[in-house]
Amino acid sequence: MLFMSLLLNFLVAGIAITSIVPAERNEVSGDKYAKRDIGEDDSESVLVEYSSSVQVSIEKKFSLIVENCKTGHYDVVKSALEEITHKFAELNEQCHQGISFEYDEVVEFTHKFISVLLKFQAILTVIKTHPFIADKCGVELFKCGYELNEIFKFILSYKIDFKSLTISVGIDYRVFAGIGFSIPHIG
């Protein structure tokens, strides 16, 4: 009788656990995950696509920001930064949606993100040379810094060596520190 009771408990516990444990990534079939199913073309991850969107936004706004920094039109610069911040926020949202990404996908995304940082560094360098503009756009710059910090935390959660990937591309973290983006594990 004791054996039957234990056997029944194990069977019930097994059923309870399978109802709690999420399905494997390949078993998910909702529209939200359709691109990530096995049969789909996985040539570019959603993170890389969103990174490309951020990069395009930065490239479009670069000359506008440079021109308006020179003329002192902080409102135009602030508006351009708001759009870029919105793109960073969308990218951050994609990073933290609770979807598990493959390590290789995150490495590919990290390379793309570094190229985005290089483009954004050029904007920060221009703004930094115009203290009036930097002061007027400070809040928006710190919003960008917050989004960058959150994306960086996502990358670190996959144990990617960010420092070795950025060491040769010329990212100046002092420029980013001015907007609140800090990388504590990079010396």
N, C-alpha and C. Protein backbone atom coordinates (compact mmCIF):
# COMPACT_ATOMS: atom_id res chain seq x y z
N MET A 1 0.81 -1.19 0.00
CA MET A 1 0.00 0.00 0.00
C MET A 1 0.86 1.26 0.00
N LEU A 2 1.94 1.27 0.80
CA LEU A 2 2.84 2.41 0.85
C LEU A 2 3.49 2.63 -0.52
N PHE A 3 3.88 1.55 -1.17
CA PHE A 3 4.47 1.64 -2.50
C PHE A 3 3.52 2.30 -3.49
N MET A 4 2.27 1.90 -3.48
CA MET A 4 1.27 2.47 -4.39
C MET A 4 1.06 3.96 -4.11
N SER A 5 1.09 4.34 -2.84
CA SER A 5 0.92 5.74 -2.46
C SER A 5 2.09 6.58 -2.96
N LEU A 6 3.32 6.07 -2.79
CA LEU A 6 4.50 6.77 -3.28
C LEU A 6 4.50 6.88 -4.80
N LEU A 7 4.14 5.80 -5.46
CA LEU A 7 4.07 5.80 -6.92
C LEU A 7 3.07 6.84 -7.41
N LEU A 8 1.93 6.91 -6.79
CA LEU A 8 0.91 7.88 -7.16
C LEU A 8 1.41 9.31 -6.95
N ASN A 9 2.12 9.55 -5.84
CA ASN A 9 2.68 10.88 -5.56
C ASN A 9 3.68 11.29 -6.63
N PHE A 10 4.56 10.37 -7.05
CA PHE A 10 5.53 10.68 -8.09
C PHE A 10 4.86 10.99 -9.42
N LEU A 11 3.84 10.23 -9.75
CA LEU A 11 3.11 10.49 -10.99
C LEU A 11 2.42 11.84 -10.98
N VAL A 12 1.77 12.16 -9.88
CA VAL A 12 1.08 13.45 -9.76
C VAL A 12 2.09 14.59 -9.78
N ALA A 13 3.22 14.43 -9.07
CA ALA A 13 4.25 15.47 -9.06
C ALA A 13 4.81 15.68 -10.46
N GLY A 14 5.01 14.59 -11.20
CA GLY A 14 5.51 14.71 -12.57
C GLY A 14 4.57 15.48 -13.46
N ILE A 15 3.29 15.23 -13.33
CA ILE A 15 2.30 15.95 -14.13
C ILE A 15 2.27 17.41 -13.73
N ALA A 16 2.38 17.69 -12.43
CA ALA A 16 2.36 19.08 -11.95
C ALA A 16 3.57 19.84 -12.47
N ILE A 17 4.72 19.21 -12.47
CA ILE A 17 5.93 19.88 -12.94
C ILE A 17 5.84 20.18 -14.43
N THR A 18 5.35 19.25 -15.23
CA THR A 18 5.26 19.50 -16.66
C THR A 18 4.27 20.59 -16.99
N SER A 19 3.31 20.83 -16.13
CA SER A 19 2.37 21.91 -16.40
C SER A 19 2.96 23.26 -16.03
N ILE A 20 4.01 23.28 -15.21
CA ILE A 20 4.64 24.53 -14.79
C ILE A 20 5.81 24.89 -15.68
N VAL A 21 6.60 23.92 -16.08
CA VAL A 21 7.79 24.16 -16.88
C VAL A 21 7.38 24.65 -18.27
N PRO A 22 7.99 25.76 -18.74
CA PRO A 22 7.61 26.28 -20.06
C PRO A 22 8.04 25.33 -21.17
N ALA A 23 7.36 25.44 -22.28
CA ALA A 23 7.67 24.60 -23.44
C ALA A 23 9.05 24.95 -23.98
N GLU A 24 9.66 23.99 -24.63
CA GLU A 24 10.92 24.25 -25.29
C GLU A 24 10.72 25.31 -26.35
N ARG A 25 11.77 26.04 -26.67
CA ARG A 25 11.68 27.13 -27.63
C ARG A 25 11.15 26.66 -28.97
N ASN A 26 11.53 25.47 -29.39
CA ASN A 26 11.11 24.97 -30.69
C ASN A 26 9.66 24.53 -30.71
N GLU A 27 9.06 24.33 -29.53
CA GLU A 27 7.67 23.90 -29.47
C GLU A 27 6.70 25.07 -29.46
N VAL A 28 7.20 26.28 -29.24
CA VAL A 28 6.33 27.46 -29.19
C VAL A 28 5.86 27.77 -30.59
N SER A 29 4.56 28.04 -30.73
CA SER A 29 4.06 28.24 -32.08
C SER A 29 3.28 29.53 -32.25
N GLY A 30 3.32 30.43 -31.27
CA GLY A 30 2.59 31.69 -31.39
C GLY A 30 3.21 32.60 -32.42
N ASP A 31 2.45 33.59 -32.89
CA ASP A 31 2.96 34.54 -33.88
C ASP A 31 4.18 35.30 -33.37
N LYS A 32 4.20 35.60 -32.07
CA LYS A 32 5.29 36.35 -31.48
C LYS A 32 6.63 35.65 -31.69
N TYR A 33 6.62 34.33 -31.75
CA TYR A 33 7.85 33.57 -31.88
C TYR A 33 8.00 32.93 -33.27
N ALA A 34 7.18 33.30 -34.19
CA ALA A 34 7.16 32.63 -35.49
C ALA A 34 8.52 32.69 -36.18
N LYS A 35 9.23 33.79 -36.12
CA LYS A 35 10.52 33.92 -36.76
C LYS A 35 11.55 32.98 -36.15
N ARG A 36 11.33 32.60 -34.90
CA ARG A 36 12.32 31.83 -34.18
C ARG A 36 12.07 30.32 -34.24
N ASP A 37 11.05 29.86 -34.96
CA ASP A 37 10.80 28.44 -35.10
C ASP A 37 11.88 27.81 -35.97
N ILE A 38 12.05 26.51 -35.84
CA ILE A 38 13.13 25.81 -36.53
C ILE A 38 13.06 25.93 -38.04
N GLY A 39 11.91 25.83 -38.63
CA GLY A 39 11.79 25.85 -40.08
C GLY A 39 11.97 27.21 -40.70
N GLU A 40 12.02 28.24 -39.91
CA GLU A 40 12.07 29.60 -40.45
C GLU A 40 13.49 29.99 -40.82
N ASP A 41 13.60 30.97 -41.70
CA ASP A 41 14.88 31.55 -42.07
C ASP A 41 15.33 32.44 -40.92
N ASP A 42 16.44 32.11 -40.32
CA ASP A 42 16.92 32.84 -39.15
C ASP A 42 18.15 33.66 -39.50
N SER A 43 18.18 34.25 -40.72
CA SER A 43 19.37 34.91 -41.20
C SER A 43 19.72 36.14 -40.37
N GLU A 44 18.75 36.82 -39.82
CA GLU A 44 19.03 37.99 -39.00
C GLU A 44 18.09 38.00 -37.81
N SER A 45 18.64 38.08 -36.63
CA SER A 45 17.80 38.04 -35.44
C SER A 45 17.04 39.34 -35.27
N VAL A 46 16.01 39.28 -34.46
CA VAL A 46 15.18 40.45 -34.20
C VAL A 46 16.01 41.54 -33.52
N LEU A 47 16.98 41.16 -32.70
CA LEU A 47 17.83 42.15 -32.04
C LEU A 47 18.69 42.91 -33.04
N VAL A 48 19.22 42.20 -34.02
CA VAL A 48 20.03 42.85 -35.05
C VAL A 48 19.17 43.78 -35.89
N GLU A 49 17.94 43.35 -36.17
CA GLU A 49 17.02 44.20 -36.93
C GLU A 49 16.73 45.49 -36.17
N TYR A 50 16.46 45.39 -34.89
CA TYR A 50 16.19 46.59 -34.09
C TYR A 50 17.45 47.45 -33.97
N SER A 51 18.62 46.84 -33.85
CA SER A 51 19.87 47.59 -33.81
C SER A 51 20.07 48.37 -35.11
N SER A 52 19.75 47.73 -36.22
CA SER A 52 19.85 48.41 -37.51
C SER A 52 18.92 49.61 -37.57
N SER A 53 17.75 49.47 -37.00
CA SER A 53 16.79 50.57 -36.95
C SER A 53 17.35 51.74 -36.15
N VAL A 54 18.00 51.44 -35.02
CA VAL A 54 18.62 52.49 -34.21
C VAL A 54 19.73 53.17 -35.00
N GLN A 55 20.55 52.36 -35.68
CA GLN A 55 21.67 52.90 -36.44
C GLN A 55 21.18 53.81 -37.56
N VAL A 56 20.14 53.41 -38.26
CA VAL A 56 19.58 54.24 -39.33
C VAL A 56 19.09 55.57 -38.77
N SER A 57 18.43 55.51 -37.63
CA SER A 57 17.93 56.73 -36.98
C SER A 57 19.08 57.67 -36.62
N ILE A 58 20.14 57.11 -36.07
CA ILE A 58 21.31 57.91 -35.70
C ILE A 58 21.94 58.54 -36.94
N GLU A 59 22.09 57.75 -38.00
CA GLU A 59 22.69 58.26 -39.23
C GLU A 59 21.85 59.37 -39.85
N LYS A 60 20.53 59.22 -39.80
CA LYS A 60 19.64 60.25 -40.35
C LYS A 60 19.72 61.55 -39.55
N LYS A 61 19.87 61.44 -38.26
CA LYS A 61 19.84 62.62 -37.39
C LYS A 61 21.21 63.26 -37.20
N PHE A 62 22.28 62.59 -37.60
CA PHE A 62 23.62 63.09 -37.33
C PHE A 62 23.86 64.48 -37.91
N SER A 63 23.65 64.66 -39.20
CA SER A 63 23.92 65.97 -39.82
C SER A 63 23.00 67.05 -39.26
N LEU A 64 21.76 66.69 -38.97
CA LEU A 64 20.82 67.63 -38.37
C LEU A 64 21.32 68.09 -36.99
N ILE A 65 21.83 67.17 -36.21
CA ILE A 65 22.35 67.50 -34.89
C ILE A 65 23.59 68.37 -35.00
N VAL A 66 24.51 68.01 -35.88
CA VAL A 66 25.74 68.79 -36.07
C VAL A 66 25.39 70.22 -36.48
N GLU A 67 24.54 70.35 -37.46
CA GLU A 67 24.14 71.67 -37.98
C GLU A 67 23.49 72.53 -36.89
N ASN A 68 22.59 71.94 -36.12
CA ASN A 68 21.86 72.71 -35.11
C ASN A 68 22.67 72.93 -33.84
N CYS A 69 23.67 72.13 -33.59
CA CYS A 69 24.59 72.42 -32.49
C CYS A 69 25.38 73.68 -32.81
N LYS A 70 25.80 73.80 -34.06
CA LYS A 70 26.57 74.98 -34.48
C LYS A 70 25.74 76.26 -34.40
N THR A 71 24.45 76.16 -34.71
CA THR A 71 23.59 77.35 -34.71
C THR A 71 22.91 77.58 -33.37
N GLY A 72 23.06 76.64 -32.43
CA GLY A 72 22.49 76.82 -31.10
C GLY A 72 21.02 76.48 -30.97
N HIS A 73 20.45 75.80 -31.94
CA HIS A 73 19.04 75.41 -31.90
C HIS A 73 18.88 74.11 -31.10
N TYR A 74 18.88 74.26 -29.79
CA TYR A 74 18.82 73.09 -28.91
C TYR A 74 17.52 72.32 -29.05
N ASP A 75 16.43 73.02 -29.40
CA ASP A 75 15.14 72.34 -29.50
C ASP A 75 15.13 71.30 -30.61
N VAL A 76 15.81 71.60 -31.72
CA VAL A 76 15.89 70.65 -32.83
C VAL A 76 16.78 69.46 -32.42
N VAL A 77 17.88 69.76 -31.75
CA VAL A 77 18.78 68.70 -31.27
C VAL A 77 18.04 67.81 -30.27
N LYS A 78 17.30 68.44 -29.37
CA LYS A 78 16.55 67.69 -28.36
C LYS A 78 15.51 66.78 -29.02
N SER A 79 14.84 67.29 -30.03
CA SER A 79 13.84 66.51 -30.76
C SER A 79 14.48 65.30 -31.44
N ALA A 80 15.64 65.52 -32.05
CA ALA A 80 16.36 64.43 -32.71
C ALA A 80 16.80 63.38 -31.68
N LEU A 81 17.26 63.85 -30.53
CA LEU A 81 17.67 62.92 -29.47
C LEU A 81 16.49 62.14 -28.92
N GLU A 82 15.32 62.77 -28.88
CA GLU A 82 14.12 62.06 -28.41
C GLU A 82 13.80 60.88 -29.33
N GLU A 83 13.95 61.09 -30.64
CA GLU A 83 13.70 60.00 -31.58
C GLU A 83 14.71 58.87 -31.39
N ILE A 84 15.97 59.25 -31.21
CA ILE A 84 17.01 58.24 -31.00
C ILE A 84 16.77 57.50 -29.69
N THR A 85 16.39 58.23 -28.64
CA THR A 85 16.09 57.61 -27.35
C THR A 85 14.94 56.61 -27.50
N HIS A 86 13.94 57.00 -28.26
CA HIS A 86 12.79 56.10 -28.50
C HIS A 86 13.26 54.80 -29.18
N LYS A 87 14.17 54.92 -30.13
CA LYS A 87 14.70 53.73 -30.81
C LYS A 87 15.50 52.85 -29.84
N PHE A 88 16.31 53.50 -28.98
CA PHE A 88 17.04 52.73 -27.97
C PHE A 88 16.07 52.03 -27.02
N ALA A 89 14.98 52.71 -26.67
CA ALA A 89 13.98 52.11 -25.77
C ALA A 89 13.32 50.90 -26.43
N GLU A 90 13.04 50.99 -27.73
CA GLU A 90 12.46 49.84 -28.45
C GLU A 90 13.44 48.67 -28.45
N LEU A 91 14.72 48.97 -28.68
CA LEU A 91 15.73 47.92 -28.67
C LEU A 91 15.84 47.29 -27.28
N ASN A 92 15.85 48.12 -26.26
CA ASN A 92 15.91 47.63 -24.88
C ASN A 92 14.72 46.73 -24.59
N GLU A 93 13.55 47.13 -25.05
CA GLU A 93 12.34 46.33 -24.83
C GLU A 93 12.47 44.96 -25.48
N GLN A 94 13.05 44.91 -26.68
CA GLN A 94 13.25 43.62 -27.35
C GLN A 94 14.23 42.74 -26.58
N CYS A 95 15.25 43.36 -25.99
CA CYS A 95 16.23 42.60 -25.22
C CYS A 95 15.61 41.96 -23.98
N HIS A 96 14.66 42.63 -23.38
CA HIS A 96 14.12 42.19 -22.09
C HIS A 96 12.70 41.66 -22.18
N GLN A 97 12.32 41.10 -23.31
CA GLN A 97 10.97 40.56 -23.46
C GLN A 97 10.78 39.20 -22.82
N GLY A 98 11.82 38.62 -22.32
CA GLY A 98 11.69 37.31 -21.70
C GLY A 98 11.94 36.17 -22.69
N ILE A 99 12.33 36.51 -23.89
CA ILE A 99 12.65 35.50 -24.90
C ILE A 99 14.10 35.07 -24.67
N SER A 100 14.33 33.79 -24.71
CA SER A 100 15.69 33.28 -24.58
C SER A 100 16.34 33.25 -25.95
N PHE A 101 17.47 33.93 -26.06
CA PHE A 101 18.20 33.97 -27.33
C PHE A 101 19.38 33.02 -27.28
N GLU A 102 19.75 32.52 -28.43
CA GLU A 102 20.95 31.69 -28.54
C GLU A 102 22.17 32.58 -28.31
N TYR A 103 23.23 32.01 -27.78
CA TYR A 103 24.46 32.75 -27.51
C TYR A 103 24.98 33.41 -28.78
N ASP A 104 24.99 32.67 -29.89
CA ASP A 104 25.50 33.22 -31.15
C ASP A 104 24.68 34.42 -31.63
N GLU A 105 23.38 34.39 -31.39
CA GLU A 105 22.53 35.52 -31.75
C GLU A 105 22.92 36.77 -30.96
N VAL A 106 23.21 36.57 -29.68
CA VAL A 106 23.57 37.71 -28.83
C VAL A 106 24.96 38.22 -29.20
N VAL A 107 25.87 37.34 -29.57
CA VAL A 107 27.19 37.78 -30.03
C VAL A 107 27.04 38.62 -31.30
N GLU A 108 26.24 38.14 -32.24
CA GLU A 108 25.99 38.91 -33.47
C GLU A 108 25.36 40.26 -33.14
N PHE A 109 24.39 40.25 -32.24
CA PHE A 109 23.75 41.49 -31.81
C PHE A 109 24.77 42.43 -31.16
N THR A 110 25.66 41.88 -30.34
CA THR A 110 26.66 42.71 -29.65
C THR A 110 27.56 43.41 -30.65
N HIS A 111 27.97 42.72 -31.70
CA HIS A 111 28.78 43.36 -32.74
C HIS A 111 28.01 44.51 -33.38
N LYS A 112 26.75 44.29 -33.67
CA LYS A 112 25.93 45.34 -34.27
C LYS A 112 25.74 46.49 -33.28
N PHE A 113 25.52 46.16 -32.02
CA PHE A 113 25.33 47.18 -30.99
C PHE A 113 26.58 48.05 -30.84
N ILE A 114 27.75 47.44 -30.95
CA ILE A 114 29.00 48.20 -30.88
C ILE A 114 29.09 49.19 -32.03
N SER A 115 28.66 48.79 -33.22
CA SER A 115 28.67 49.74 -34.34
C SER A 115 27.67 50.87 -34.11
N VAL A 116 26.56 50.57 -33.44
CA VAL A 116 25.59 51.60 -33.07
C VAL A 116 26.22 52.56 -32.06
N LEU A 117 26.94 52.01 -31.08
CA LEU A 117 27.62 52.86 -30.10
C LEU A 117 28.63 53.79 -30.76
N LEU A 118 29.34 53.29 -31.75
CA LEU A 118 30.30 54.14 -32.46
C LEU A 118 29.61 55.31 -33.16
N LYS A 119 28.48 55.03 -33.79
CA LYS A 119 27.71 56.10 -34.45
C LYS A 119 27.20 57.10 -33.42
N PHE A 120 26.70 56.59 -32.30
CA PHE A 120 26.15 57.47 -31.27
C PHE A 120 27.26 58.26 -30.58
N GLN A 121 28.45 57.66 -30.47
CA GLN A 121 29.59 58.36 -29.89
C GLN A 121 29.91 59.62 -30.68
N ALA A 122 29.79 59.56 -32.00
CA ALA A 122 30.05 60.73 -32.84
C ALA A 122 29.07 61.86 -32.48
N ILE A 123 27.81 61.52 -32.25
CA ILE A 123 26.81 62.52 -31.86
C ILE A 123 27.16 63.10 -30.49
N LEU A 124 27.52 62.23 -29.55
CA LEU A 124 27.85 62.70 -28.20
C LEU A 124 29.07 63.62 -28.22
N THR A 125 30.04 63.29 -29.05
CA THR A 125 31.25 64.11 -29.16
C THR A 125 30.91 65.50 -29.67
N VAL A 126 30.03 65.58 -30.66
CA VAL A 126 29.61 66.88 -31.19
C VAL A 126 28.87 67.67 -30.12
N ILE A 127 27.93 67.03 -29.46
CA ILE A 127 27.14 67.72 -28.42
C ILE A 127 28.04 68.18 -27.28
N LYS A 128 29.02 67.37 -26.93
CA LYS A 128 29.93 67.70 -25.83
C LYS A 128 30.71 68.98 -26.11
N THR A 129 30.98 69.27 -27.38
CA THR A 129 31.73 70.48 -27.73
C THR A 129 30.86 71.73 -27.69
N HIS A 130 29.57 71.57 -27.43
CA HIS A 130 28.64 72.70 -27.33
C HIS A 130 27.95 72.63 -25.97
N PRO A 131 28.57 73.22 -24.94
CA PRO A 131 28.05 73.10 -23.57
C PRO A 131 26.60 73.58 -23.41
N PHE A 132 26.20 74.62 -24.14
CA PHE A 132 24.82 75.11 -24.04
C PHE A 132 23.84 74.03 -24.50
N ILE A 133 24.14 73.40 -25.63
CA ILE A 133 23.29 72.33 -26.17
C ILE A 133 23.29 71.14 -25.21
N ALA A 134 24.48 70.77 -24.72
CA ALA A 134 24.59 69.64 -23.80
C ALA A 134 23.75 69.87 -22.55
N ASP A 135 23.76 71.10 -22.05
CA ASP A 135 22.98 71.43 -20.86
C ASP A 135 21.48 71.35 -21.14
N LYS A 136 21.06 71.90 -22.25
CA LYS A 136 19.63 71.92 -22.59
C LYS A 136 19.09 70.52 -22.92
N CYS A 137 19.96 69.65 -23.40
CA CYS A 137 19.54 68.29 -23.79
C CYS A 137 19.94 67.24 -22.75
N GLY A 138 20.36 67.69 -21.58
CA GLY A 138 20.86 66.78 -20.56
C GLY A 138 19.89 65.67 -20.17
N VAL A 139 18.62 66.02 -20.00
CA VAL A 139 17.64 65.01 -19.59
C VAL A 139 17.51 63.92 -20.65
N GLU A 140 17.44 64.34 -21.90
CA GLU A 140 17.30 63.36 -22.99
C GLU A 140 18.55 62.50 -23.11
N LEU A 141 19.71 63.10 -22.89
CA LEU A 141 20.96 62.34 -22.93
C LEU A 141 21.00 61.28 -21.82
N PHE A 142 20.53 61.64 -20.64
CA PHE A 142 20.51 60.67 -19.54
C PHE A 142 19.48 59.57 -19.79
N LYS A 143 18.41 59.89 -20.50
CA LYS A 143 17.45 58.84 -20.88
C LYS A 143 18.13 57.84 -21.82
N CYS A 144 18.92 58.36 -22.76
CA CYS A 144 19.69 57.48 -23.65
C CYS A 144 20.64 56.62 -22.83
N GLY A 145 21.32 57.25 -21.88
CA GLY A 145 22.25 56.52 -21.02
C GLY A 145 21.57 55.39 -20.27
N TYR A 146 20.36 55.64 -19.78
CA TYR A 146 19.61 54.60 -19.08
C TYR A 146 19.33 53.42 -20.01
N GLU A 147 18.84 53.71 -21.21
CA GLU A 147 18.53 52.64 -22.17
C GLU A 147 19.79 51.85 -22.52
N LEU A 148 20.92 52.55 -22.71
CA LEU A 148 22.18 51.88 -23.02
C LEU A 148 22.61 50.97 -21.86
N ASN A 149 22.45 51.45 -20.63
CA ASN A 149 22.79 50.62 -19.46
C ASN A 149 21.97 49.34 -19.43
N GLU A 150 20.69 49.45 -19.72
CA GLU A 150 19.82 48.27 -19.70
C GLU A 150 20.20 47.28 -20.80
N ILE A 151 20.54 47.78 -21.97
CA ILE A 151 20.97 46.90 -23.07
C ILE A 151 22.29 46.22 -22.70
N PHE A 152 23.18 46.99 -22.09
CA PHE A 152 24.46 46.43 -21.66
C PHE A 152 24.26 45.32 -20.63
N LYS A 153 23.33 45.50 -19.70
CA LYS A 153 23.03 44.45 -18.71
C LYS A 153 22.56 43.17 -19.41
N PHE A 154 21.77 43.34 -20.45
CA PHE A 154 21.31 42.19 -21.22
C PHE A 154 22.50 41.45 -21.84
N ILE A 155 23.42 42.20 -22.44
CA ILE A 155 24.59 41.58 -23.07
C ILE A 155 25.43 40.86 -22.01
N LEU A 156 25.63 41.50 -20.87
CA LEU A 156 26.40 40.87 -19.80
C LEU A 156 25.75 39.61 -19.27
N SER A 157 24.42 39.54 -19.32
CA SER A 157 23.73 38.35 -18.81
C SER A 157 24.09 37.11 -19.63
N TYR A 158 24.60 37.31 -20.84
CA TYR A 158 25.04 36.19 -21.67
C TYR A 158 26.55 35.96 -21.55
N LYS A 159 27.17 36.65 -20.61
CA LYS A 159 28.60 36.48 -20.31
C LYS A 159 29.48 36.76 -21.53
N ILE A 160 29.12 37.77 -22.28
CA ILE A 160 29.91 38.17 -23.45
C ILE A 160 30.99 39.14 -23.00
N ASP A 161 32.20 38.93 -23.48
CA ASP A 161 33.33 39.78 -23.12
C ASP A 161 33.27 41.07 -23.94
N PHE A 162 32.52 42.01 -23.43
CA PHE A 162 32.28 43.28 -24.12
C PHE A 162 33.58 44.05 -24.34
N LYS A 163 34.47 44.02 -23.34
CA LYS A 163 35.72 44.78 -23.43
C LYS A 163 36.57 44.31 -24.61
N SER A 164 36.71 43.01 -24.76
CA SER A 164 37.56 42.53 -25.86
C SER A 164 36.95 42.84 -27.22
N LEU A 165 35.63 42.94 -27.27
CA LEU A 165 34.99 43.27 -28.55
C LEU A 165 35.10 44.76 -28.89
N THR A 166 35.24 45.60 -27.87
CA THR A 166 35.27 47.04 -28.12
C THR A 166 36.67 47.64 -28.08
N ILE A 167 37.64 46.87 -27.65
CA ILE A 167 38.97 47.41 -27.41
C ILE A 167 39.61 47.99 -28.67
N SER A 168 39.34 47.41 -29.81
CA SER A 168 40.02 47.86 -31.03
C SER A 168 39.19 48.79 -31.91
N VAL A 169 37.94 49.03 -31.53
CA VAL A 169 37.09 49.84 -32.42
C VAL A 169 37.07 51.32 -32.05
N GLY A 170 37.64 51.68 -30.92
CA GLY A 170 37.76 53.10 -30.58
C GLY A 170 36.60 53.70 -29.81
N ILE A 171 35.89 52.90 -29.06
CA ILE A 171 34.83 53.46 -28.23
C ILE A 171 35.47 54.13 -27.01
N ASP A 172 35.11 55.38 -26.80
CA ASP A 172 35.62 56.16 -25.67
C ASP A 172 34.54 56.20 -24.59
N TYR A 173 34.71 55.39 -23.57
CA TYR A 173 33.69 55.28 -22.53
C TYR A 173 33.57 56.54 -21.69
N ARG A 174 34.58 57.41 -21.74
CA ARG A 174 34.48 58.69 -21.03
C ARG A 174 33.39 59.55 -21.64
N VAL A 175 33.23 59.48 -22.96
CA VAL A 175 32.17 60.23 -23.63
C VAL A 175 30.80 59.73 -23.16
N PHE A 176 30.67 58.42 -23.06
CA PHE A 176 29.40 57.82 -22.63
C PHE A 176 29.13 58.05 -21.15
N ALA A 177 30.19 58.13 -20.35
CA ALA A 177 30.01 58.37 -18.91
C ALA A 177 29.32 59.70 -18.67
N GLY A 178 29.50 60.65 -19.56
CA GLY A 178 28.87 61.96 -19.44
C GLY A 178 27.36 61.92 -19.55
N ILE A 179 26.80 60.81 -20.05
CA ILE A 179 25.34 60.70 -20.14
C ILE A 179 24.81 59.62 -19.19
N GLY A 180 25.67 59.17 -18.30
CA GLY A 180 25.22 58.20 -17.31
C GLY A 180 25.36 56.75 -17.73
N PHE A 181 25.98 56.49 -18.87
CA PHE A 181 26.20 55.11 -19.31
C PHE A 181 27.54 54.66 -18.76
N SER A 182 27.50 53.77 -17.79
CA SER A 182 28.74 53.31 -17.19
C SER A 182 28.88 51.81 -17.39
N ILE A 183 30.09 51.41 -17.57
CA ILE A 183 30.38 50.00 -17.76
C ILE A 183 31.28 49.58 -16.60
N PRO A 184 30.69 49.08 -15.53
CA PRO A 184 31.45 48.81 -14.31
C PRO A 184 32.51 47.73 -14.45
N HIS A 185 32.35 46.80 -15.36
CA HIS A 185 33.28 45.68 -15.46
C HIS A 185 34.37 45.93 -16.49
N ILE A 186 34.42 47.14 -17.03
CA ILE A 186 35.45 47.47 -18.00
C ILE A 186 36.34 48.54 -17.39
N GLY A 187 37.63 48.22 -17.34
CA GLY A 187 38.55 49.14 -16.68
C GLY A 187 39.31 50.01 -17.60
